C-alpha atoms as a PDB file:
ATOM      1  CA  MET A   1     119.993 161.106  95.269  1.00  0.00           C
ATOM      2  CA  ASN A   2     121.251 164.714  95.468  1.00  0.00           C
ATOM      3  CA  LYS A   3     124.106 166.218  93.445  1.00  0.00           C
ATOM      4  CA  LEU A   4     126.672 165.567  96.159  1.00  0.00           C
ATOM      5  CA  GLN A   5     125.662 161.919  96.502  1.00  0.00           C
ATOM      6  CA  GLN A   6     125.793 161.518  92.726  1.00  0.00           C
ATOM      7  CA  PHE A   7     129.268 163.030  92.621  1.00  0.00           C
ATOM      8  CA  LEU A   8     130.496 160.768  95.436  1.00  0.00           C
ATOM      9  CA  ALA A   9     129.117 157.767  93.567  1.00  0.00           C
ATOM     10  CA  GLU A  10     131.289 158.743  90.606  1.00  0.00           C
ATOM     11  CA  LYS A  11     134.373 159.772  92.578  1.00  0.00           C
ATOM     12  CA  GLU A  12     134.928 158.366  96.059  1.00  0.00           C
ATOM     13  CA  THR A  13     137.031 161.283  97.330  1.00  0.00           C
ATOM     14  CA  LEU A  14     136.171 164.904  96.542  1.00  0.00           C
ATOM     15  CA  VAL A  15     138.658 167.726  97.005  1.00  0.00           C
ATOM     16  CA  LEU A  16     137.401 170.997  98.443  1.00  0.00           C
ATOM     17  CA  ASP A  17     138.966 174.417  98.042  1.00  0.00           C
ATOM     18  CA  GLY A  18     141.150 176.363 100.461  1.00  0.00           C
ATOM     19  CA  ALA A  19     141.120 179.811 102.042  1.00  0.00           C
ATOM     20  CA  MET A  20     139.280 182.776 100.579  1.00  0.00           C
ATOM     21  CA  GLY A  21     140.492 185.754 102.639  1.00  0.00           C
ATOM     22  CA  THR A  22     144.211 185.493 101.959  1.00  0.00           C
ATOM     23  CA  MET A  23     143.464 185.271  98.265  1.00  0.00           C
ATOM     24  CA  LEU A  24     141.228 188.355  98.324  1.00  0.00           C
ATOM     25  CA  PHE A  25     143.877 190.301 100.224  1.00  0.00           C
ATOM     26  CA  ALA A  26     146.306 189.457  97.458  1.00  0.00           C
ATOM     27  CA  VAL A  27     144.048 191.240  94.965  1.00  0.00           C
ATOM     28  CA  GLY A  28     143.272 194.277  97.083  1.00  0.00           C
ATOM     29  CA  LEU A  29     140.809 193.569  99.896  1.00  0.00           C
ATOM     30  CA  THR A  30     141.453 195.982 102.763  1.00  0.00           C
ATOM     31  CA  SER A  31     141.604 194.844 106.369  1.00  0.00           C
ATOM     32  CA  GLY A  32     138.277 195.421 108.099  1.00  0.00           C
ATOM     33  CA  ASP A  33     136.181 195.492 104.933  1.00  0.00           C
ATOM     34  CA  PRO A  34     133.497 192.818 104.472  1.00  0.00           C
ATOM     35  CA  PRO A  35     134.580 190.296 101.798  1.00  0.00           C
ATOM     36  CA  GLU A  36     130.902 189.630 101.034  1.00  0.00           C
ATOM     37  CA  GLU A  37     130.477 193.157  99.594  1.00  0.00           C
ATOM     38  CA  TRP A  38     133.070 192.301  96.956  1.00  0.00           C
ATOM     39  CA  ASN A  39     130.606 189.838  95.430  1.00  0.00           C
ATOM     40  CA  VAL A  40     128.834 192.927  94.092  1.00  0.00           C
ATOM     41  CA  SER A  41     131.585 195.541  93.766  1.00  0.00           C
ATOM     42  CA  GLU A  42     134.470 193.280  92.602  1.00  0.00           C
ATOM     43  CA  PRO A  43     132.911 190.155  91.073  1.00  0.00           C
ATOM     44  CA  ALA A  44     135.816 189.544  88.673  1.00  0.00           C
ATOM     45  CA  LYS A  45     138.289 189.369  91.563  1.00  0.00           C
ATOM     46  CA  VAL A  46     136.094 186.973  93.520  1.00  0.00           C
ATOM     47  CA  GLN A  47     135.680 184.840  90.420  1.00  0.00           C
ATOM     48  CA  SER A  48     139.450 184.808  89.934  1.00  0.00           C
ATOM     49  CA  VAL A  49     139.855 183.147  93.346  1.00  0.00           C
ATOM     50  CA  HIS A  50     137.270 180.530  92.505  1.00  0.00           C
ATOM     51  CA  GLN A  51     138.959 179.965  89.152  1.00  0.00           C
ATOM     52  CA  ALA A  52     142.322 179.420  90.825  1.00  0.00           C
ATOM     53  CA  TYR A  53     140.862 176.669  92.996  1.00  0.00           C
ATOM     54  CA  VAL A  54     139.068 175.020  90.086  1.00  0.00           C
ATOM     55  CA  ASP A  55     142.324 175.122  88.118  1.00  0.00           C
ATOM     56  CA  ALA A  56     144.069 173.535  91.118  1.00  0.00           C
ATOM     57  CA  GLY A  57     141.628 170.634  91.000  1.00  0.00           C
ATOM     58  CA  SER A  58     138.913 171.434  93.551  1.00  0.00           C
ATOM     59  CA  ASP A  59     135.719 169.434  93.048  1.00  0.00           C
ATOM     60  CA  ILE A  60     133.689 171.697  95.344  1.00  0.00           C
ATOM     61  CA  ILE A  61     134.226 175.425  95.836  1.00  0.00           C
ATOM     62  CA  LEU A  62     132.733 177.460  98.673  1.00  0.00           C
ATOM     63  CA  THR A  63     131.105 180.806  98.006  1.00  0.00           C
ATOM     64  CA  ASN A  64     132.466 184.093  99.340  1.00  0.00           C
ATOM     65  CA  SER A  65     129.647 184.383 101.867  1.00  0.00           C
ATOM     66  CA  PHE A  66     131.030 183.152 105.189  1.00  0.00           C
ATOM     67  CA  GLY A  67     129.960 186.314 107.024  1.00  0.00           C
ATOM     68  CA  GLY A  68     126.773 186.739 105.043  1.00  0.00           C
ATOM     69  CA  THR A  69     124.170 186.799 107.818  1.00  0.00           C
ATOM     70  CA  SER A  70     122.466 190.014 108.893  1.00  0.00           C
ATOM     71  CA  TYR A  71     124.276 189.810 112.239  1.00  0.00           C
ATOM     72  CA  ARG A  72     127.689 189.892 110.591  1.00  0.00           C
ATOM     73  CA  LEU A  73     126.792 192.446 107.965  1.00  0.00           C
ATOM     74  CA  LYS A  74     125.264 194.733 110.589  1.00  0.00           C
ATOM     75  CA  LEU A  75     128.816 195.385 111.775  1.00  0.00           C
ATOM     76  CA  HIS A  76     129.281 197.195 108.457  1.00  0.00           C
ATOM     77  CA  LYS A  77     125.765 198.699 108.321  1.00  0.00           C
ATOM     78  CA  MET A  78     124.950 196.402 105.404  1.00  0.00           C
ATOM     79  CA  GLN A  79     122.369 194.148 107.070  1.00  0.00           C
ATOM     80  CA  ASP A  80     119.733 195.103 104.497  1.00  0.00           C
ATOM     81  CA  ARG A  81     121.820 193.545 101.684  1.00  0.00           C
ATOM     82  CA  VAL A  82     121.935 189.930 102.882  1.00  0.00           C
ATOM     83  CA  VAL A  83     120.039 188.361  99.988  1.00  0.00           C
ATOM     84  CA  GLU A  84     121.825 190.562  97.451  1.00  0.00           C
ATOM     85  CA  PHE A  85     125.322 189.674  98.656  1.00  0.00           C
ATOM     86  CA  ASN A  86     124.613 185.960  99.034  1.00  0.00           C
ATOM     87  CA  ARG A  87     122.881 185.708  95.677  1.00  0.00           C
ATOM     88  CA  ALA A  88     125.870 187.391  94.046  1.00  0.00           C
ATOM     89  CA  ALA A  89     128.276 185.099  95.934  1.00  0.00           C
ATOM     90  CA  ALA A  90     126.625 182.018  94.469  1.00  0.00           C
ATOM     91  CA  GLN A  91     126.396 183.593  91.034  1.00  0.00           C
ATOM     92  CA  ASN A  92     130.126 184.379  91.025  1.00  0.00           C
ATOM     93  CA  ALA A  93     130.975 180.771  91.830  1.00  0.00           C
ATOM     94  CA  ARG A  94     128.390 179.569  89.318  1.00  0.00           C
ATOM     95  CA  VAL A  95     130.039 181.559  86.509  1.00  0.00           C
ATOM     96  CA  VAL A  96     133.303 179.729  87.123  1.00  0.00           C
ATOM     97  CA  VAL A  97     131.991 176.179  87.515  1.00  0.00           C
ATOM     98  CA  ASP A  98     129.625 176.475  84.562  1.00  0.00           C
ATOM     99  CA  SER A  99     132.600 177.184  82.315  1.00  0.00           C
ATOM    100  CA  ALA A 100     134.680 174.312  83.708  1.00  0.00           C
ATOM    101  CA  GLU A 101     135.325 171.268  81.563  1.00  0.00           C
ATOM    102  CA  ARG A 102     134.567 168.909  84.437  1.00  0.00           C
ATOM    103  CA  ASN A 103     131.981 168.576  87.163  1.00  0.00           C
ATOM    104  CA  VAL A 104     132.452 171.087  90.008  1.00  0.00           C
ATOM    105  CA  LEU A 105     129.857 171.888  92.673  1.00  0.00           C
ATOM    106  CA  VAL A 106     129.078 175.216  94.322  1.00  0.00           C
ATOM    107  CA  ALA A 107     128.641 175.086  98.099  1.00  0.00           C
ATOM    108  CA  GLY A 108     127.006 178.087  99.740  1.00  0.00           C
ATOM    109  CA  SER A 109     129.195 179.000 102.720  1.00  0.00           C
ATOM    110  CA  MET A 110     127.299 179.914 105.897  1.00  0.00           C
ATOM    111  CA  GLY A 111     129.541 180.794 108.836  1.00  0.00           C
ATOM    112  CA  PRO A 112     128.533 181.462 112.435  1.00  0.00           C
ATOM    113  CA  SER A 113     126.421 184.499 113.261  1.00  0.00           C
ATOM    114  CA  GLY A 114     129.002 185.778 115.719  1.00  0.00           C
ATOM    115  CA  GLU A 115     126.294 185.976 118.390  1.00  0.00           C
ATOM    116  CA  LEU A 116     125.500 183.734 121.353  1.00  0.00           C
ATOM    117  CA  LEU A 117     122.125 182.101 121.708  1.00  0.00           C
ATOM    118  CA  GLN A 118     120.007 182.727 124.763  1.00  0.00           C
ATOM    119  CA  PRO A 119     120.478 182.345 127.689  1.00  0.00           C
ATOM    120  CA  MET A 120     124.213 182.929 127.226  1.00  0.00           C
ATOM    121  CA  GLY A 121     123.595 185.737 124.747  1.00  0.00           C
ATOM    122  CA  ASP A 122     120.834 187.923 123.343  1.00  0.00           C
ATOM    123  CA  MET A 123     119.965 186.014 120.156  1.00  0.00           C
ATOM    124  CA  SER A 124     116.834 183.857 120.300  1.00  0.00           C
ATOM    125  CA  TYR A 125     116.613 180.553 118.481  1.00  0.00           C
ATOM    126  CA  GLU A 126     113.942 181.950 116.144  1.00  0.00           C
ATOM    127  CA  GLN A 127     116.065 184.998 115.336  1.00  0.00           C
ATOM    128  CA  CYS A 128     118.971 182.689 114.543  1.00  0.00           C
ATOM    129  CA  LYS A 129     116.813 180.577 112.239  1.00  0.00           C
ATOM    130  CA  ALA A 130     115.535 183.665 110.460  1.00  0.00           C
ATOM    131  CA  ALA A 131     119.051 185.010 109.893  1.00  0.00           C
ATOM    132  CA  PHE A 132     120.236 181.786 108.279  1.00  0.00           C
ATOM    133  CA  ALA A 133     117.014 181.432 106.287  1.00  0.00           C
ATOM    134  CA  GLU A 134     117.639 184.852 104.742  1.00  0.00           C
ATOM    135  CA  GLN A 135     121.199 183.905 103.842  1.00  0.00           C
ATOM    136  CA  ALA A 136     120.165 180.527 102.424  1.00  0.00           C
ATOM    137  CA  GLN A 137     117.529 182.219 100.291  1.00  0.00           C
ATOM    138  CA  GLY A 138     120.151 184.336  98.566  1.00  0.00           C
ATOM    139  CA  LEU A 139     122.518 181.410  98.049  1.00  0.00           C
ATOM    140  CA  ALA A 140     119.742 179.268  96.597  1.00  0.00           C
ATOM    141  CA  GLU A 141     118.602 182.063  94.276  1.00  0.00           C
ATOM    142  CA  GLY A 142     122.181 182.457  93.062  1.00  0.00           C
ATOM    143  CA  GLY A 143     122.469 178.799  92.054  1.00  0.00           C
ATOM    144  CA  ALA A 144     124.299 177.009  94.857  1.00  0.00           C
ATOM    145  CA  ASP A 145     124.250 173.218  94.531  1.00  0.00           C
ATOM    146  CA  LEU A 146     124.359 172.689  98.295  1.00  0.00           C
ATOM    147  CA  LEU A 147     124.668 174.665 101.522  1.00  0.00           C
ATOM    148  CA  TRP A 148     127.780 174.509 103.689  1.00  0.00           C
ATOM    149  CA  ILE A 149     127.361 175.459 107.356  1.00  0.00           C
ATOM    150  CA  GLU A 150     130.907 175.830 108.682  1.00  0.00           C
ATOM    151  CA  THR A 151     133.223 176.754 111.556  1.00  0.00           C
ATOM    152  CA  MET A 152     130.451 176.327 114.119  1.00  0.00           C
ATOM    153  CA  SER A 153     130.930 175.919 117.877  1.00  0.00           C
ATOM    154  CA  ASP A 154     127.355 175.530 119.168  1.00  0.00           C
ATOM    155  CA  LEU A 155     125.167 172.558 118.207  1.00  0.00           C
ATOM    156  CA  ASP A 156     122.039 174.663 118.690  1.00  0.00           C
ATOM    157  CA  GLU A 157     123.306 177.226 116.200  1.00  0.00           C
ATOM    158  CA  VAL A 158     123.922 174.431 113.701  1.00  0.00           C
ATOM    159  CA  ARG A 159     120.364 173.165 114.241  1.00  0.00           C
ATOM    160  CA  ALA A 160     118.980 176.676 113.799  1.00  0.00           C
ATOM    161  CA  ALA A 161     120.972 177.147 110.599  1.00  0.00           C
ATOM    162  CA  VAL A 162     119.730 173.824 109.202  1.00  0.00           C
ATOM    163  CA  GLU A 163     116.109 174.544 110.106  1.00  0.00           C
ATOM    164  CA  GLY A 164     116.346 178.069 108.732  1.00  0.00           C
ATOM    165  CA  ALA A 165     117.832 176.878 105.469  1.00  0.00           C
ATOM    166  CA  ARG A 166     115.224 174.169 105.031  1.00  0.00           C
ATOM    167  CA  SER A 167     112.441 176.672 105.534  1.00  0.00           C
ATOM    168  CA  VAL A 168     113.390 178.379 102.262  1.00  0.00           C
ATOM    169  CA  CYS A 169     114.984 175.704 100.053  1.00  0.00           C
ATOM    170  CA  ASP A 170     115.537 171.977  99.643  1.00  0.00           C
ATOM    171  CA  LEU A 171     119.272 172.018  98.888  1.00  0.00           C
ATOM    172  CA  PRO A 172     121.438 169.320 100.526  1.00  0.00           C
ATOM    173  CA  ILE A 173     123.280 170.604 103.574  1.00  0.00           C
ATOM    174  CA  CYS A 174     126.720 169.857 105.009  1.00  0.00           C
ATOM    175  CA  ALA A 175     127.877 171.084 108.405  1.00  0.00           C
ATOM    176  CA  THR A 176     131.305 171.364 110.004  1.00  0.00           C
ATOM    177  CA  MET A 177     132.435 172.569 113.403  1.00  0.00           C
ATOM    178  CA  SER A 178     135.769 173.965 114.576  1.00  0.00           C
ATOM    179  CA  PHE A 179     137.373 171.761 117.222  1.00  0.00           C
ATOM    180  CA  ASP A 180     139.937 174.195 118.505  1.00  0.00           C
ATOM    181  CA  THR A 181     139.952 173.576 122.269  1.00  0.00           C
ATOM    182  CA  LYS A 182     141.772 170.296 122.911  1.00  0.00           C
ATOM    183  CA  GLY A 183     139.518 168.293 120.626  1.00  0.00           C
ATOM    184  CA  ARG A 184     136.374 170.213 121.513  1.00  0.00           C
ATOM    185  CA  THR A 185     134.652 173.270 120.092  1.00  0.00           C
ATOM    186  CA  MET A 186     134.619 176.512 122.037  1.00  0.00           C
ATOM    187  CA  MET A 187     131.247 175.403 123.434  1.00  0.00           C
ATOM    188  CA  GLY A 188     132.570 171.988 124.519  1.00  0.00           C
ATOM    189  CA  VAL A 189     131.252 169.843 121.667  1.00  0.00           C
ATOM    190  CA  THR A 190     133.259 166.699 120.847  1.00  0.00           C
ATOM    191  CA  GLY A 191     133.418 164.886 117.538  1.00  0.00           C
ATOM    192  CA  LYS A 192     131.296 162.064 118.911  1.00  0.00           C
ATOM    193  CA  SER A 193     128.634 164.370 120.357  1.00  0.00           C
ATOM    194  CA  MET A 194     128.402 166.219 117.052  1.00  0.00           C
ATOM    195  CA  VAL A 195     127.883 162.963 115.170  1.00  0.00           C
ATOM    196  CA  VAL A 196     125.175 161.846 117.590  1.00  0.00           C
ATOM    197  CA  ALA A 197     123.345 165.184 117.440  1.00  0.00           C
ATOM    198  CA  MET A 198     123.653 165.663 113.686  1.00  0.00           C
ATOM    199  CA  SER A 199     122.672 162.111 112.744  1.00  0.00           C
ATOM    200  CA  GLU A 200     119.041 163.072 113.293  1.00  0.00           C
ATOM    201  CA  LEU A 201     119.126 166.017 110.884  1.00  0.00           C
ATOM    202  CA  GLY A 202     119.611 164.121 107.628  1.00  0.00           C
ATOM    203  CA  LEU A 203     122.689 166.066 106.553  1.00  0.00           C
ATOM    204  CA  ALA A 204     124.597 165.234 103.386  1.00  0.00           C
ATOM    205  CA  GLY A 205     127.891 165.335 105.281  1.00  0.00           C
ATOM    206  CA  ILE A 206     129.408 166.477 108.560  1.00  0.00           C
ATOM    207  CA  GLY A 207     132.903 167.060 109.809  1.00  0.00           C
ATOM    208  CA  ALA A 208     135.604 169.376 111.098  1.00  0.00           C
ATOM    209  CA  ASN A 209     137.156 172.520 109.677  1.00  0.00           C
ATOM    210  CA  CYS A 210     139.624 175.145 110.830  1.00  0.00           C
ATOM    211  CA  GLY A 211     140.775 173.917 114.271  1.00  0.00           C
ATOM    212  CA  ASN A 212     143.835 174.351 116.424  1.00  0.00           C
ATOM    213  CA  ASN A 213     146.284 172.212 114.456  1.00  0.00           C
ATOM    214  CA  LEU A 214     146.396 169.293 112.043  1.00  0.00           C
ATOM    215  CA  PRO A 215     146.866 166.454 114.581  1.00  0.00           C
ATOM    216  CA  GLU A 216     143.915 167.585 116.713  1.00  0.00           C
ATOM    217  CA  THR A 217     141.613 168.044 113.719  1.00  0.00           C
ATOM    218  CA  GLU A 218     142.610 164.651 112.341  1.00  0.00           C
ATOM    219  CA  ALA A 219     141.965 163.060 115.748  1.00  0.00           C
ATOM    220  CA  VAL A 220     138.432 164.478 115.705  1.00  0.00           C
ATOM    221  CA  LEU A 221     137.916 162.935 112.272  1.00  0.00           C
ATOM    222  CA  GLN A 222     138.912 159.535 113.638  1.00  0.00           C
ATOM    223  CA  GLU A 223     136.532 160.018 116.553  1.00  0.00           C
ATOM    224  CA  MET A 224     133.716 160.808 114.153  1.00  0.00           C
ATOM    225  CA  ARG A 225     134.452 157.816 111.943  1.00  0.00           C
ATOM    226  CA  ALA A 226     134.408 155.472 114.937  1.00  0.00           C
ATOM    227  CA  ALA A 227     131.054 156.886 116.056  1.00  0.00           C
ATOM    228  CA  ALA A 228     129.468 156.928 112.583  1.00  0.00           C
ATOM    229  CA  PRO A 229     131.004 154.371 110.199  1.00  0.00           C
ATOM    230  CA  GLU A 230     128.493 155.118 107.428  1.00  0.00           C
ATOM    231  CA  MET A 231     128.453 158.918 107.607  1.00  0.00           C
ATOM    232  CA  THR A 232     129.925 161.050 104.826  1.00  0.00           C
ATOM    233  CA  LEU A 233     132.745 162.868 106.609  1.00  0.00           C
ATOM    234  CA  ILE A 234     134.433 166.170 105.859  1.00  0.00           C
ATOM    235  CA  ILE A 235     137.792 167.548 106.921  1.00  0.00           C
ATOM    236  CA  LYS A 236     138.972 171.032 105.987  1.00  0.00           C
ATOM    237  CA  ALA A 237     141.895 171.797 108.255  1.00  0.00           C
ATOM    238  CA  ASN A 238     144.105 174.849 108.516  1.00  0.00           C
ATOM    239  CA  ALA A 239     147.452 174.837 106.754  1.00  0.00           C
ATOM    240  CA  GLY A 240     149.436 173.925 109.825  1.00  0.00           C
ATOM    241  CA  ILE A 241     149.826 176.107 112.903  1.00  0.00           C
ATOM    242  CA  PRO A 242     149.254 179.871 112.879  1.00  0.00           C
ATOM    243  CA  GLN A 243     151.540 182.363 114.560  1.00  0.00           C
ATOM    244  CA  TRP A 244     151.173 186.110 114.740  1.00  0.00           C
ATOM    245  CA  VAL A 245     154.090 187.902 113.097  1.00  0.00           C
ATOM    246  CA  GLY A 246     153.349 191.565 113.647  1.00  0.00           C
ATOM    247  CA  GLU A 247     149.878 192.085 112.206  1.00  0.00           C
ATOM    248  CA  ASP A 248     150.093 189.005 109.989  1.00  0.00           C
ATOM    249  CA  LEU A 249     148.905 185.528 110.804  1.00  0.00           C
ATOM    250  CA  VAL A 250     151.416 183.100 109.291  1.00  0.00           C
ATOM    251  CA  TYR A 251     150.748 179.393 108.754  1.00  0.00           C
ATOM    252  CA  ASN A 252     153.550 176.846 108.698  1.00  0.00           C
ATOM    253  CA  GLY A 253     151.856 174.135 106.652  1.00  0.00           C
ATOM    254  CA  THR A 254     153.597 173.792 103.303  1.00  0.00           C
ATOM    255  CA  PRO A 255     151.868 172.200 100.291  1.00  0.00           C
ATOM    256  CA  ASP A 256     153.728 168.958 101.054  1.00  0.00           C
ATOM    257  CA  VAL A 257     152.495 169.014 104.664  1.00  0.00           C
ATOM    258  CA  MET A 258     148.923 169.470 103.476  1.00  0.00           C
ATOM    259  CA  ALA A 259     149.284 166.774 100.825  1.00  0.00           C
ATOM    260  CA  ALA A 260     150.392 164.285 103.469  1.00  0.00           C
ATOM    261  CA  TYR A 261     147.468 165.380 105.654  1.00  0.00           C
ATOM    262  CA  ALA A 262     145.076 164.759 102.751  1.00  0.00           C
ATOM    263  CA  HIS A 263     146.438 161.236 102.309  1.00  0.00           C
ATOM    264  CA  ARG A 264     146.031 160.469 106.025  1.00  0.00           C
ATOM    265  CA  SER A 265     142.561 161.955 106.075  1.00  0.00           C
ATOM    266  CA  ARG A 266     141.373 159.734 103.262  1.00  0.00           C
ATOM    267  CA  ALA A 267     142.844 156.701 105.036  1.00  0.00           C
ATOM    268  CA  ASN A 268     140.971 157.755 108.177  1.00  0.00           C
ATOM    269  CA  GLY A 269     137.629 157.879 106.413  1.00  0.00           C
ATOM    270  CA  ALA A 270     137.168 161.403 105.077  1.00  0.00           C
ATOM    271  CA  GLN A 271     135.441 161.602 101.711  1.00  0.00           C
ATOM    272  CA  LEU A 272     135.512 165.382 101.332  1.00  0.00           C
ATOM    273  CA  ILE A 273     138.961 166.864 101.953  1.00  0.00           C
ATOM    274  CA  GLY A 274     140.147 170.449 101.695  1.00  0.00           C
ATOM    275  CA  GLY A 275     142.021 173.255 103.380  1.00  0.00           C
ATOM    276  CA  CYS A 276     140.952 176.112 105.611  1.00  0.00           C
ATOM    277  CA  CYS A 277     142.900 179.107 106.943  1.00  0.00           C
ATOM    278  CA  GLY A 278     146.251 179.596 105.250  1.00  0.00           C
ATOM    279  CA  SER A 279     145.537 177.168 102.404  1.00  0.00           C
ATOM    280  CA  SER A 280     146.152 178.359  98.852  1.00  0.00           C
ATOM    281  CA  PRO A 281     145.567 176.913  95.373  1.00  0.00           C
ATOM    282  CA  GLU A 282     149.146 175.628  95.547  1.00  0.00           C
ATOM    283  CA  HIS A 283     148.243 173.583  98.620  1.00  0.00           C
ATOM    284  CA  ILE A 284     145.106 172.227  96.954  1.00  0.00           C
ATOM    285  CA  ALA A 285     146.968 171.324  93.765  1.00  0.00           C
ATOM    286  CA  ARG A 286     149.521 169.277  95.709  1.00  0.00           C
ATOM    287  CA  MET A 287     146.731 167.546  97.630  1.00  0.00           C
ATOM    288  CA  VAL A 288     145.040 166.633  94.352  1.00  0.00           C
ATOM    289  CA  GLN A 289     148.293 165.228  92.988  1.00  0.00           C
ATOM    290  CA  VAL A 290     148.770 162.969  96.001  1.00  0.00           C
ATOM    291  CA  LEU A 291     145.148 161.830  96.228  1.00  0.00           C
ATOM    292  CA  SER A 292     145.077 161.013  92.515  1.00  0.00           C
ATOM    293  CA  GLY A 293     148.312 159.033  92.743  1.00  0.00           C
ATOM    294  CA  GLU A 294     150.120 161.379  90.393  1.00  0.00           C
ATOM    295  CA  ILE A 295     152.919 161.877  92.911  1.00  0.00           C
ATOM    296  CA  PRO A 296     153.943 159.884  95.997  1.00  0.00           C
ATOM    297  CA  VAL A 297     152.935 160.938  99.480  1.00  0.00           C
ATOM    298  CA  PRO A 298     155.515 163.475 100.723  1.00  0.00           C
ATOM    299  CA  ASP A 299     157.648 162.257 103.593  1.00  0.00           C
ATOM    300  CA  VAL A 300     157.230 165.328 105.759  1.00  0.00           C
ATOM    301  CA  VAL A 301     156.470 166.233 109.345  1.00  0.00           C
ATOM    302  CA  GLU A 302     154.683 169.407 110.368  1.00  0.00           C
ATOM    303  CA  LYS A 303     157.245 171.648 112.035  1.00  0.00           C
ATOM    304  CA  LYS A 304     156.266 174.418 114.410  1.00  0.00           C
ATOM    305  CA  ALA A 305     159.357 176.470 113.733  1.00  0.00           C
ATOM    306  CA  GLU A 306     159.297 176.434 109.930  1.00  0.00           C
ATOM    307  CA  MET A 307     157.174 179.225 108.455  1.00  0.00           C
ATOM    308  CA  ALA A 308     155.677 178.926 105.000  1.00  0.00           C
ATOM    309  CA  PRO A 309     154.932 182.071 102.975  1.00  0.00           C
ATOM    310  CA  VAL A 310     151.183 181.908 103.532  1.00  0.00           C
ATOM    311  CA  VAL A 311     149.878 184.982 105.317  1.00  0.00           C
ATOM    312  CA  ALA A 312     146.406 185.962 106.467  1.00  0.00           C
ATOM    313  CA  LYS A 313     146.067 189.628 107.380  1.00  0.00           C
ATOM    314  CA  ALA A 314     144.375 190.393 110.669  1.00  0.00           C
ATOM    315  CA  GLY A 315     140.722 191.329 110.273  1.00  0.00           C
ATOM    316  CA  GLY A 316     140.365 189.575 106.922  1.00  0.00           C
ATOM    317  CA  ARG A 317     138.350 186.576 105.842  1.00  0.00           C
ATOM    318  CA  ASP A 318     138.954 184.828 109.116  1.00  0.00           C
ATOM    319  CA  ARG A 319     138.439 187.879 111.394  1.00  0.00           C
ATOM    320  CA  ARG A 320     139.880 185.720 114.158  1.00  0.00           C
ATOM    321  CA  ARG A 321     139.505 188.375 116.843  1.00  0.00           C
ATOM    322  CA  ARG A 322     135.727 188.131 116.502  1.00  0.00           C
ATOM    323  CA  LYS A 323     135.320 184.564 115.313  1.00  0.00           C
ATOM    324  CA  ARG A 324     137.599 182.220 113.461  1.00  0.00           C
ATOM    325  CA  ARG A 325     136.750 181.914 109.823  1.00  0.00           C
ATOM    326  CA  ARG A 326     137.989 180.488 106.583  1.00  0.00           C
ATOM    327  CA  ALA A 327     140.952 182.773 105.888  1.00  0.00           C
END
């Protein structure tokens, strides 16, 4: 039994963290700069974000390493620092959880490479595996409890990431995909087809993150639960619907909206529940309150016209113009 399974045996529903990028912008990250470099140059600020989520009640926090493959870091001419950045990312999270008074796990975030596999693109399957193996090595060396492959669109890239990770470590692995095209990923994957494909990989959990909006992401969760009644399922949806306001990406999901979503998600079979783009520690804290029974489920409806003060700068953690990420 791995650490995640042990934790789930103790606590049936685990709360994940929320966005990283918006939080780093709040403490000085500049648009266009790689957040992963801050693991080395600004560790205290990265740790402060992790601390805020632990204080809010997160049971699992994701490392600041979403864009930590050589392909992503090459955009900043930092491809030779993959292991360094990922090791530091896990170490920063480790510092926070090791000082916590309760059990909190560190999940090593591994986002998409940003490249297309052959024949649609130039990246070979072996190159993809090698890139994720290098990232996983750093995360494992830094003390991650598990690996978290997220925001994927291509099943083959997920397989390559899993195989690459397992070539360098034996950490449990979770994987989530972004269903942002009418219930499908950008590459046409459905919730059911993901479950079928991933069931053979022995993953610790699978699910959906990011996505187009809450209803669509929740519908994918229901599809997954119907196809795999025994699978540990994950949902980490965006805080409502994003809209560009000038150069800012604004999300309309208030903490109450996300708390109600968390309640529905648990009822629909999710065991690991968190927030993605636009989610803050305030959102996570309200979700924890509802899931623990401390407060009643808010009687709210997600409204497209009502904007909450949660802003993700363009080019930040989510870098949505290149590939959607956990902002």
